[in-house]
Amino acid sequence: MSTSDHSPRERTRIVPTLIILAGAFYTLLPVAWVFVAATKAPGELFDSFTFAPGTGLIRNLRDLWSFDDGAYGLWAWNSLVYAGVGGVLSTLVSASAGYALAKFPFRGGRIFFAAILAGLLIPGITLAVPQYLLLSDLHLAGTRWSVLLPSILSPFGIYLCRVYAASAIPTQMLEAARIDGASEWRIFRSVVLPLMGPGMVTVFLLQFVGIWNNFLLPYIMLSDTRTFPLTVGLNSLLERGAGSPSLYTLAIVGAALAIIPLIALVLFLQRFWRLDLIAGGVKG
């Protein structure tokens, strides 16, 4: 086959590749600037706009961790608790609900699933105020529970787990386990959860990132700085930066550090997706 026969196919691949590269550049450019700006001293940050690294990284880190008696460390811990605990609980609830919707037909199941899909179309901002009023009536507003409880239920997570359970869990395997005398709880724990592992990893990652980056809900719910997550804490730095420009630098450094756990989490969890692909290739 001549080279000219391959040229049309190669040209059709170039355009999508260029679009992906342009999108990656557009997405990663602000992130790169945040990391570069975190190395600049306050004078270097406001004097010029360049991507050349600065000389103030060590001082910026020291000032950030010592600011307000270590407030940044407390905010980071709060974010880890909200995102970690909320992500785990949301993943378990989504896996249970998705498995039930996929493998246990019941009256009104389609209507219930349609209601969940409708929940995907509702922006989170429209639910923030009703959630605040509801939790305020329960005397939970202002506590950590006011951030954790709304994050447990994820319509998108339930939808993903329902789709994954329908395709990854053979009904014959469930029937065989029931014939052997296994209880439904044991089937869910020993059969369903291992098979849904890759799907649950995806839900956990999405929930962790979503809760970690969530700003509006904790901003409305919380008033005590000791319960602030990183998003609300860094916003308070920006608000106070109008009177003290050096706080802008601390906010940028804090934002750069807040990105690192998300990158580490993605790099750590991607091996589970790779293992699932390898397992699928072996089964095939």
C-alpha atoms as a PDB file:
ATOM      1  CA  MET A   1       0.000   0.000   0.000  1.00  0.00           C
ATOM      2  CA  SER A   2       1.434   3.361  -0.998  1.00  0.00           C
ATOM      3  CA  THR A   3       2.134   6.263   1.321  1.00  0.00           C
ATOM      4  CA  SER A   4      -0.642   8.278  -0.312  1.00  0.00           C
ATOM      5  CA  ASP A   5      -3.195   5.714   0.901  1.00  0.00           C
ATOM      6  CA  HIS A   6      -2.280   6.473   4.516  1.00  0.00           C
ATOM      7  CA  SER A   7      -2.245  10.254   4.212  1.00  0.00           C
ATOM      8  CA  PRO A   8      -6.031  10.845   4.443  1.00  0.00           C
ATOM      9  CA  ARG A   9      -6.260   8.703   7.576  1.00  0.00           C
ATOM     10  CA  GLU A  10      -3.261  10.441   9.121  1.00  0.00           C
ATOM     11  CA  ARG A  11      -4.742  13.852   8.357  1.00  0.00           C
ATOM     12  CA  THR A  12      -8.004  12.902  10.069  1.00  0.00           C
ATOM     13  CA  ARG A  13      -6.027  11.999  13.180  1.00  0.00           C
ATOM     14  CA  ILE A  14      -4.067  15.240  13.247  1.00  0.00           C
ATOM     15  CA  VAL A  15      -7.098  17.497  13.800  1.00  0.00           C
ATOM     16  CA  PRO A  16      -8.418  15.700  16.935  1.00  0.00           C
ATOM     17  CA  THR A  17      -4.885  15.540  18.301  1.00  0.00           C
ATOM     18  CA  LEU A  18      -4.409  19.273  17.828  1.00  0.00           C
ATOM     19  CA  ILE A  19      -7.747  19.966  19.512  1.00  0.00           C
ATOM     20  CA  ILE A  20      -6.785  17.792  22.502  1.00  0.00           C
ATOM     21  CA  LEU A  21      -3.388  19.487  22.775  1.00  0.00           C
ATOM     22  CA  ALA A  22      -5.004  22.936  22.614  1.00  0.00           C
ATOM     23  CA  GLY A  23      -7.473  21.950  25.336  1.00  0.00           C
ATOM     24  CA  ALA A  24      -4.684  20.550  27.514  1.00  0.00           C
ATOM     25  CA  PHE A  25      -2.641  23.722  27.049  1.00  0.00           C
ATOM     26  CA  TYR A  26      -5.641  25.917  27.914  1.00  0.00           C
ATOM     27  CA  THR A  27      -6.340  23.834  31.036  1.00  0.00           C
ATOM     28  CA  LEU A  28      -2.782  23.418  32.304  1.00  0.00           C
ATOM     29  CA  LEU A  29      -1.539  26.951  31.644  1.00  0.00           C
ATOM     30  CA  PRO A  30      -3.249  28.493  34.729  1.00  0.00           C
ATOM     31  CA  VAL A  31      -2.038  25.573  36.862  1.00  0.00           C
ATOM     32  CA  ALA A  32       1.516  26.100  35.658  1.00  0.00           C
ATOM     33  CA  TRP A  33       1.254  29.805  36.426  1.00  0.00           C
ATOM     34  CA  VAL A  34       0.061  29.069  39.991  1.00  0.00           C
ATOM     35  CA  PHE A  35       3.097  26.873  40.652  1.00  0.00           C
ATOM     36  CA  VAL A  36       5.458  29.462  39.171  1.00  0.00           C
ATOM     37  CA  ALA A  37       3.793  32.334  41.060  1.00  0.00           C
ATOM     38  CA  ALA A  38       4.143  30.372  44.296  1.00  0.00           C
ATOM     39  CA  THR A  39       7.932  30.727  44.004  1.00  0.00           C
ATOM     40  CA  LYS A  40       7.845  34.517  43.714  1.00  0.00           C
ATOM     41  CA  ALA A  41       8.290  36.989  46.543  1.00  0.00           C
ATOM     42  CA  PRO A  42       5.530  39.640  46.891  1.00  0.00           C
ATOM     43  CA  GLY A  43       7.649  42.213  45.030  1.00  0.00           C
ATOM     44  CA  GLU A  44       8.447  39.818  42.199  1.00  0.00           C
ATOM     45  CA  LEU A  45       4.810  38.767  41.872  1.00  0.00           C
ATOM     46  CA  PHE A  46       3.404  42.243  41.292  1.00  0.00           C
ATOM     47  CA  ASP A  47       6.317  43.839  39.431  1.00  0.00           C
ATOM     48  CA  SER A  48       6.175  41.703  36.292  1.00  0.00           C
ATOM     49  CA  PHE A  49       4.298  38.828  34.696  1.00  0.00           C
ATOM     50  CA  THR A  50       6.722  36.121  33.654  1.00  0.00           C
ATOM     51  CA  PHE A  51       6.955  32.353  33.898  1.00  0.00           C
ATOM     52  CA  ALA A  52      10.480  32.574  35.294  1.00  0.00           C
ATOM     53  CA  PRO A  53      10.709  31.037  38.785  1.00  0.00           C
ATOM     54  CA  GLY A  54      11.160  33.481  41.650  1.00  0.00           C
ATOM     55  CA  THR A  55      13.350  33.437  44.732  1.00  0.00           C
ATOM     56  CA  GLY A  56      10.738  33.471  47.515  1.00  0.00           C
ATOM     57  CA  LEU A  57       9.469  29.886  47.652  1.00  0.00           C
ATOM     58  CA  ILE A  58      11.018  28.947  50.997  1.00  0.00           C
ATOM     59  CA  ARG A  59       9.938  32.190  52.628  1.00  0.00           C
ATOM     60  CA  ASN A  60       6.447  31.875  51.195  1.00  0.00           C
ATOM     61  CA  LEU A  61       6.066  28.336  52.554  1.00  0.00           C
ATOM     62  CA  ARG A  62       7.339  29.393  55.963  1.00  0.00           C
ATOM     63  CA  ASP A  63       4.978  32.382  56.098  1.00  0.00           C
ATOM     64  CA  LEU A  64       2.036  30.257  54.967  1.00  0.00           C
ATOM     65  CA  TRP A  65       2.460  27.569  57.608  1.00  0.00           C
ATOM     66  CA  SER A  66       3.041  30.127  60.356  1.00  0.00           C
ATOM     67  CA  PHE A  67       0.138  32.371  59.337  1.00  0.00           C
ATOM     68  CA  ASP A  68      -2.463  32.773  62.085  1.00  0.00           C
ATOM     69  CA  ASP A  69      -0.925  30.028  64.252  1.00  0.00           C
ATOM     70  CA  GLY A  70      -0.974  27.383  61.532  1.00  0.00           C
ATOM     71  CA  ALA A  71      -4.456  28.069  60.150  1.00  0.00           C
ATOM     72  CA  TYR A  72      -3.526  26.635  56.748  1.00  0.00           C
ATOM     73  CA  GLY A  73      -2.659  23.242  58.236  1.00  0.00           C
ATOM     74  CA  LEU A  74      -6.018  23.159  60.012  1.00  0.00           C
ATOM     75  CA  TRP A  75      -7.839  24.077  56.791  1.00  0.00           C
ATOM     76  CA  ALA A  76      -5.983  21.333  54.931  1.00  0.00           C
ATOM     77  CA  TRP A  77      -6.913  18.806  57.614  1.00  0.00           C
ATOM     78  CA  ASN A  78     -10.562  19.864  57.435  1.00  0.00           C
ATOM     79  CA  SER A  79     -10.552  19.466  53.646  1.00  0.00           C
ATOM     80  CA  LEU A  80      -9.035  16.011  53.985  1.00  0.00           C
ATOM     81  CA  VAL A  81     -11.713  14.988  56.487  1.00  0.00           C
ATOM     82  CA  TYR A  82     -14.571  16.395  54.419  1.00  0.00           C
ATOM     83  CA  ALA A  83     -13.308  14.921  51.135  1.00  0.00           C
ATOM     84  CA  GLY A  84     -12.022  11.613  52.546  1.00  0.00           C
ATOM     85  CA  VAL A  85     -14.927  10.713  54.815  1.00  0.00           C
ATOM     86  CA  GLY A  86     -17.511  12.181  52.450  1.00  0.00           C
ATOM     87  CA  GLY A  87     -15.966  10.399  49.465  1.00  0.00           C
ATOM     88  CA  VAL A  88     -15.914   7.001  51.202  1.00  0.00           C
ATOM     89  CA  LEU A  89     -19.484   7.283  52.519  1.00  0.00           C
ATOM     90  CA  SER A  90     -20.772   8.585  49.201  1.00  0.00           C
ATOM     91  CA  THR A  91     -19.067   5.726  47.349  1.00  0.00           C
ATOM     92  CA  LEU A  92     -20.623   3.105  49.627  1.00  0.00           C
ATOM     93  CA  VAL A  93     -24.080   4.665  49.351  1.00  0.00           C
ATOM     94  CA  SER A  94     -23.757   4.975  45.567  1.00  0.00           C
ATOM     95  CA  ALA A  95     -22.562   1.372  45.213  1.00  0.00           C
ATOM     96  CA  SER A  96     -25.412   0.044  47.367  1.00  0.00           C
ATOM     97  CA  ALA A  97     -28.072   2.101  45.592  1.00  0.00           C
ATOM     98  CA  GLY A  98     -26.664   1.401  42.125  1.00  0.00           C
ATOM     99  CA  TYR A  99     -26.500  -2.340  42.772  1.00  0.00           C
ATOM    100  CA  ALA A 100     -30.058  -2.383  44.113  1.00  0.00           C
ATOM    101  CA  LEU A 101     -31.402  -0.453  41.129  1.00  0.00           C
ATOM    102  CA  ALA A 102     -29.567  -2.698  38.678  1.00  0.00           C
ATOM    103  CA  LYS A 103     -30.304  -6.137  40.167  1.00  0.00           C
ATOM    104  CA  PHE A 104     -33.487  -5.826  42.244  1.00  0.00           C
ATOM    105  CA  PRO A 105     -36.520  -4.909  40.110  1.00  0.00           C
ATOM    106  CA  PHE A 106     -39.244  -3.281  42.195  1.00  0.00           C
ATOM    107  CA  ARG A 107     -42.393  -1.301  41.578  1.00  0.00           C
ATOM    108  CA  GLY A 108     -41.579   2.305  40.827  1.00  0.00           C
ATOM    109  CA  GLY A 109     -37.914   1.543  40.207  1.00  0.00           C
ATOM    110  CA  ARG A 110     -37.891   3.276  36.842  1.00  0.00           C
ATOM    111  CA  ILE A 111     -39.552   6.353  38.303  1.00  0.00           C
ATOM    112  CA  PHE A 112     -37.013   6.405  41.118  1.00  0.00           C
ATOM    113  CA  PHE A 113     -34.134   6.103  38.663  1.00  0.00           C
ATOM    114  CA  ALA A 114     -35.647   8.852  36.501  1.00  0.00           C
ATOM    115  CA  ALA A 115     -35.802  11.082  39.579  1.00  0.00           C
ATOM    116  CA  ILE A 116     -32.109  10.432  40.166  1.00  0.00           C
ATOM    117  CA  LEU A 117     -31.339  11.378  36.566  1.00  0.00           C
ATOM    118  CA  ALA A 118     -33.380  14.546  37.031  1.00  0.00           C
ATOM    119  CA  GLY A 119     -31.217  15.334  40.041  1.00  0.00           C
ATOM    120  CA  LEU A 120     -28.206  15.424  37.727  1.00  0.00           C
ATOM    121  CA  LEU A 121     -29.747  18.401  35.936  1.00  0.00           C
ATOM    122  CA  ILE A 122     -30.165  20.508  39.082  1.00  0.00           C
ATOM    123  CA  PRO A 123     -27.179  22.819  39.727  1.00  0.00           C
ATOM    124  CA  GLY A 124     -25.723  22.502  43.188  1.00  0.00           C
ATOM    125  CA  ILE A 125     -26.038  26.227  43.766  1.00  0.00           C
ATOM    126  CA  THR A 126     -29.846  25.970  43.737  1.00  0.00           C
ATOM    127  CA  LEU A 127     -29.757  23.414  46.566  1.00  0.00           C
ATOM    128  CA  ALA A 128     -27.332  25.265  48.853  1.00  0.00           C
ATOM    129  CA  VAL A 129     -29.877  27.584  50.483  1.00  0.00           C
ATOM    130  CA  PRO A 130     -32.570  24.885  51.011  1.00  0.00           C
ATOM    131  CA  GLN A 131     -29.904  22.618  52.495  1.00  0.00           C
ATOM    132  CA  TYR A 132     -28.841  25.394  54.849  1.00  0.00           C
ATOM    133  CA  LEU A 133     -32.427  25.988  56.001  1.00  0.00           C
ATOM    134  CA  LEU A 134     -32.992  22.259  56.517  1.00  0.00           C
ATOM    135  CA  LEU A 135     -29.778  21.724  58.479  1.00  0.00           C
ATOM    136  CA  SER A 136     -30.420  24.905  60.443  1.00  0.00           C
ATOM    137  CA  ASP A 137     -33.744  23.461  61.600  1.00  0.00           C
ATOM    138  CA  LEU A 138     -31.824  20.340  62.683  1.00  0.00           C
ATOM    139  CA  HIS A 139     -29.327  22.558  64.567  1.00  0.00           C
ATOM    140  CA  LEU A 140     -26.470  21.264  62.426  1.00  0.00           C
ATOM    141  CA  ALA A 141     -25.646  24.446  60.490  1.00  0.00           C
ATOM    142  CA  GLY A 142     -22.201  25.698  61.407  1.00  0.00           C
ATOM    143  CA  THR A 143     -20.920  22.220  62.279  1.00  0.00           C
ATOM    144  CA  ARG A 144     -18.812  19.838  60.204  1.00  0.00           C
ATOM    145  CA  TRP A 145     -21.893  17.670  59.706  1.00  0.00           C
ATOM    146  CA  SER A 146     -23.449  20.450  57.615  1.00  0.00           C
ATOM    147  CA  VAL A 147     -20.708  19.885  55.028  1.00  0.00           C
ATOM    148  CA  LEU A 148     -20.447  16.103  55.324  1.00  0.00           C
ATOM    149  CA  LEU A 149     -24.121  15.107  55.167  1.00  0.00           C
ATOM    150  CA  PRO A 150     -25.042  16.821  51.859  1.00  0.00           C
ATOM    151  CA  SER A 151     -21.964  15.312  50.187  1.00  0.00           C
ATOM    152  CA  ILE A 152     -22.911  11.706  50.992  1.00  0.00           C
ATOM    153  CA  LEU A 153     -25.731  11.484  48.453  1.00  0.00           C
ATOM    154  CA  SER A 154     -24.512  11.814  44.872  1.00  0.00           C
ATOM    155  CA  PRO A 155     -27.027  11.304  42.021  1.00  0.00           C
ATOM    156  CA  PHE A 156     -24.188  11.055  39.522  1.00  0.00           C
ATOM    157  CA  GLY A 157     -22.408   8.455  41.657  1.00  0.00           C
ATOM    158  CA  ILE A 158     -25.584   6.377  41.940  1.00  0.00           C
ATOM    159  CA  TYR A 159     -26.078   6.597  38.189  1.00  0.00           C
ATOM    160  CA  LEU A 160     -22.509   5.471  37.474  1.00  0.00           C
ATOM    161  CA  CYS A 161     -22.740   2.561  39.922  1.00  0.00           C
ATOM    162  CA  ARG A 162     -26.099   1.492  38.513  1.00  0.00           C
ATOM    163  CA  VAL A 163     -24.706   1.391  34.974  1.00  0.00           C
ATOM    164  CA  TYR A 164     -21.524  -0.367  36.096  1.00  0.00           C
ATOM    165  CA  ALA A 165     -23.365  -2.943  38.213  1.00  0.00           C
ATOM    166  CA  ALA A 166     -25.725  -3.789  35.367  1.00  0.00           C
ATOM    167  CA  SER A 167     -22.817  -4.674  33.078  1.00  0.00           C
ATOM    168  CA  ALA A 168     -20.150  -5.994  35.484  1.00  0.00           C
ATOM    169  CA  ILE A 169     -22.168  -8.275  37.781  1.00  0.00           C
ATOM    170  CA  PRO A 170     -23.544 -11.444  36.149  1.00  0.00           C
ATOM    171  CA  THR A 171     -27.003 -12.337  37.402  1.00  0.00           C
ATOM    172  CA  GLN A 172     -26.080 -16.042  37.210  1.00  0.00           C
ATOM    173  CA  MET A 173     -23.315 -15.488  39.756  1.00  0.00           C
ATOM    174  CA  LEU A 174     -25.777 -13.903  42.194  1.00  0.00           C
ATOM    175  CA  GLU A 175     -28.228 -16.773  41.743  1.00  0.00           C
ATOM    176  CA  ALA A 176     -25.476 -19.330  42.319  1.00  0.00           C
ATOM    177  CA  ALA A 177     -24.488 -17.577  45.549  1.00  0.00           C
ATOM    178  CA  ARG A 178     -28.102 -17.602  46.755  1.00  0.00           C
ATOM    179  CA  ILE A 179     -28.419 -21.315  45.945  1.00  0.00           C
ATOM    180  CA  ASP A 180     -25.293 -21.936  48.051  1.00  0.00           C
ATOM    181  CA  GLY A 181     -27.088 -20.284  50.977  1.00  0.00           C
ATOM    182  CA  ALA A 182     -25.266 -16.955  51.048  1.00  0.00           C
ATOM    183  CA  SER A 183     -27.188 -14.057  52.564  1.00  0.00           C
ATOM    184  CA  GLU A 184     -27.762 -10.875  50.573  1.00  0.00           C
ATOM    185  CA  TRP A 185     -25.335  -8.998  52.808  1.00  0.00           C
ATOM    186  CA  ARG A 186     -22.625 -11.613  52.250  1.00  0.00           C
ATOM    187  CA  ILE A 187     -23.256 -11.557  48.499  1.00  0.00           C
ATOM    188  CA  PHE A 188     -22.919  -7.792  48.465  1.00  0.00           C
ATOM    189  CA  ARG A 189     -19.774  -7.854  50.578  1.00  0.00           C
ATOM    190  CA  SER A 190     -17.989 -10.822  49.009  1.00  0.00           C
ATOM    191  CA  VAL A 191     -19.214 -10.806  45.406  1.00  0.00           C
ATOM    192  CA  VAL A 192     -20.597  -7.431  44.450  1.00  0.00           C
ATOM    193  CA  LEU A 193     -18.061  -5.069  46.013  1.00  0.00           C
ATOM    194  CA  PRO A 194     -14.983  -6.783  44.468  1.00  0.00           C
ATOM    195  CA  LEU A 195     -16.603  -6.756  41.035  1.00  0.00           C
ATOM    196  CA  MET A 196     -17.594  -3.099  41.378  1.00  0.00           C
ATOM    197  CA  GLY A 197     -14.115  -2.047  42.529  1.00  0.00           C
ATOM    198  CA  PRO A 198     -13.071  -0.040  39.441  1.00  0.00           C
ATOM    199  CA  GLY A 199     -16.437   1.709  39.278  1.00  0.00           C
ATOM    200  CA  MET A 200     -16.262   2.569  42.969  1.00  0.00           C
ATOM    201  CA  VAL A 201     -12.761   3.968  42.503  1.00  0.00           C
ATOM    202  CA  THR A 202     -14.115   6.262  39.808  1.00  0.00           C
ATOM    203  CA  VAL A 203     -16.971   7.439  42.025  1.00  0.00           C
ATOM    204  CA  PHE A 204     -14.624   7.986  44.966  1.00  0.00           C
ATOM    205  CA  LEU A 205     -12.222  10.031  42.857  1.00  0.00           C
ATOM    206  CA  LEU A 206     -14.993  12.217  41.459  1.00  0.00           C
ATOM    207  CA  GLN A 207     -16.514  12.735  44.893  1.00  0.00           C
ATOM    208  CA  PHE A 208     -13.167  13.439  46.561  1.00  0.00           C
ATOM    209  CA  VAL A 209     -12.236  16.046  43.953  1.00  0.00           C
ATOM    210  CA  GLY A 210     -15.720  17.569  44.031  1.00  0.00           C
ATOM    211  CA  ILE A 211     -15.787  17.893  47.833  1.00  0.00           C
ATOM    212  CA  TRP A 212     -12.160  19.053  47.996  1.00  0.00           C
ATOM    213  CA  ASN A 213     -12.887  21.853  45.516  1.00  0.00           C
ATOM    214  CA  ASN A 214     -16.352  22.686  46.855  1.00  0.00           C
ATOM    215  CA  PHE A 215     -16.630  26.301  47.934  1.00  0.00           C
ATOM    216  CA  LEU A 216     -20.266  27.373  48.021  1.00  0.00           C
ATOM    217  CA  LEU A 217     -21.639  24.796  50.477  1.00  0.00           C
ATOM    218  CA  PRO A 218     -19.020  25.265  53.234  1.00  0.00           C
ATOM    219  CA  TYR A 219     -19.047  29.029  52.596  1.00  0.00           C
ATOM    220  CA  ILE A 220     -22.762  29.133  53.380  1.00  0.00           C
ATOM    221  CA  MET A 221     -22.756  26.548  56.161  1.00  0.00           C
ATOM    222  CA  LEU A 222     -19.671  27.442  58.194  1.00  0.00           C
ATOM    223  CA  SER A 223     -18.821  30.535  60.184  1.00  0.00           C
ATOM    224  CA  ASP A 224     -16.040  29.298  62.464  1.00  0.00           C
ATOM    225  CA  THR A 225     -12.597  29.602  60.847  1.00  0.00           C
ATOM    226  CA  ARG A 226     -11.499  26.429  62.649  1.00  0.00           C
ATOM    227  CA  THR A 227     -13.950  24.406  60.545  1.00  0.00           C
ATOM    228  CA  PHE A 228     -13.091  26.039  57.193  1.00  0.00           C
ATOM    229  CA  PRO A 229     -11.825  23.852  54.346  1.00  0.00           C
ATOM    230  CA  LEU A 230      -9.043  25.104  52.094  1.00  0.00           C
ATOM    231  CA  THR A 231     -11.386  26.725  49.584  1.00  0.00           C
ATOM    232  CA  VAL A 232     -13.100  28.940  52.139  1.00  0.00           C
ATOM    233  CA  GLY A 233      -9.881  29.575  54.062  1.00  0.00           C
ATOM    234  CA  LEU A 234      -8.006  30.723  50.953  1.00  0.00           C
ATOM    235  CA  ASN A 235     -10.953  32.933  50.034  1.00  0.00           C
ATOM    236  CA  SER A 236     -10.683  34.614  53.431  1.00  0.00           C
ATOM    237  CA  LEU A 237      -7.015  35.289  52.674  1.00  0.00           C
ATOM    238  CA  LEU A 238      -7.972  36.957  49.404  1.00  0.00           C
ATOM    239  CA  GLU A 239     -10.591  39.087  51.156  1.00  0.00           C
ATOM    240  CA  ARG A 240      -8.055  40.237  53.717  1.00  0.00           C
ATOM    241  CA  GLY A 241      -5.456  40.779  50.987  1.00  0.00           C
ATOM    242  CA  ALA A 242      -7.018  44.124  50.049  1.00  0.00           C
ATOM    243  CA  GLY A 243      -5.417  45.633  53.143  1.00  0.00           C
ATOM    244  CA  SER A 244      -2.277  43.477  53.082  1.00  0.00           C
ATOM    245  CA  PRO A 245      -1.064  42.573  49.567  1.00  0.00           C
ATOM    246  CA  SER A 246       1.371  40.000  50.961  1.00  0.00           C
ATOM    247  CA  LEU A 247      -1.623  37.780  51.748  1.00  0.00           C
ATOM    248  CA  TYR A 248      -2.216  37.413  48.021  1.00  0.00           C
ATOM    249  CA  THR A 249       1.092  35.582  47.802  1.00  0.00           C
ATOM    250  CA  LEU A 250       0.090  33.281  50.663  1.00  0.00           C
ATOM    251  CA  ALA A 251      -3.209  32.525  48.916  1.00  0.00           C
ATOM    252  CA  ILE A 252      -1.380  31.590  45.702  1.00  0.00           C
ATOM    253  CA  VAL A 253       1.064  29.352  47.555  1.00  0.00           C
ATOM    254  CA  GLY A 254      -1.828  27.744  49.423  1.00  0.00           C
ATOM    255  CA  ALA A 255      -3.668  27.117  46.162  1.00  0.00           C
ATOM    256  CA  ALA A 256      -0.566  25.490  44.666  1.00  0.00           C
ATOM    257  CA  LEU A 257      -0.192  23.173  47.653  1.00  0.00           C
ATOM    258  CA  ALA A 258      -3.903  22.320  47.510  1.00  0.00           C
ATOM    259  CA  ILE A 259      -3.475  20.953  43.967  1.00  0.00           C
ATOM    260  CA  ILE A 260      -0.733  18.480  44.935  1.00  0.00           C
ATOM    261  CA  PRO A 261      -2.973  16.007  46.899  1.00  0.00           C
ATOM    262  CA  LEU A 262      -5.357  15.770  43.937  1.00  0.00           C
ATOM    263  CA  ILE A 263      -2.509  14.993  41.544  1.00  0.00           C
ATOM    264  CA  ALA A 264      -1.148  12.370  43.955  1.00  0.00           C
ATOM    265  CA  LEU A 265      -4.595  10.796  44.341  1.00  0.00           C
ATOM    266  CA  VAL A 266      -5.097  10.478  40.581  1.00  0.00           C
ATOM    267  CA  LEU A 267      -1.643   8.949  40.125  1.00  0.00           C
ATOM    268  CA  PHE A 268      -2.295   6.480  42.948  1.00  0.00           C
ATOM    269  CA  LEU A 269      -5.780   5.397  41.862  1.00  0.00           C
ATOM    270  CA  GLN A 270      -5.028   5.043  38.151  1.00  0.00           C
ATOM    271  CA  ARG A 271      -3.374   1.667  38.766  1.00  0.00           C
ATOM    272  CA  PHE A 272      -6.780   0.236  39.694  1.00  0.00           C
ATOM    273  CA  TRP A 273      -8.127   1.226  36.282  1.00  0.00           C
ATOM    274  CA  ARG A 274      -5.080  -0.369  34.649  1.00  0.00           C
ATOM    275  CA  LEU A 275      -5.597  -3.581  36.583  1.00  0.00           C
ATOM    276  CA  ASP A 276      -9.223  -3.651  35.466  1.00  0.00           C
ATOM    277  CA  LEU A 277      -8.211  -3.240  31.830  1.00  0.00           C
ATOM    278  CA  ILE A 278      -5.633  -6.024  32.148  1.00  0.00           C
ATOM    279  CA  ALA A 279      -8.203  -8.304  33.800  1.00  0.00           C
ATOM    280  CA  GLY A 280     -10.656  -7.587  31.019  1.00  0.00           C
ATOM    281  CA  GLY A 281      -8.029  -8.414  28.414  1.00  0.00           C
ATOM    282  CA  VAL A 282      -7.214 -11.718  30.118  1.00  0.00           C
ATOM    283  CA  LYS A 283     -10.903 -12.678  30.337  1.00  0.00           C
ATOM    284  CA  GLY A 284     -11.334 -11.840  26.687  1.00  0.00           C
END
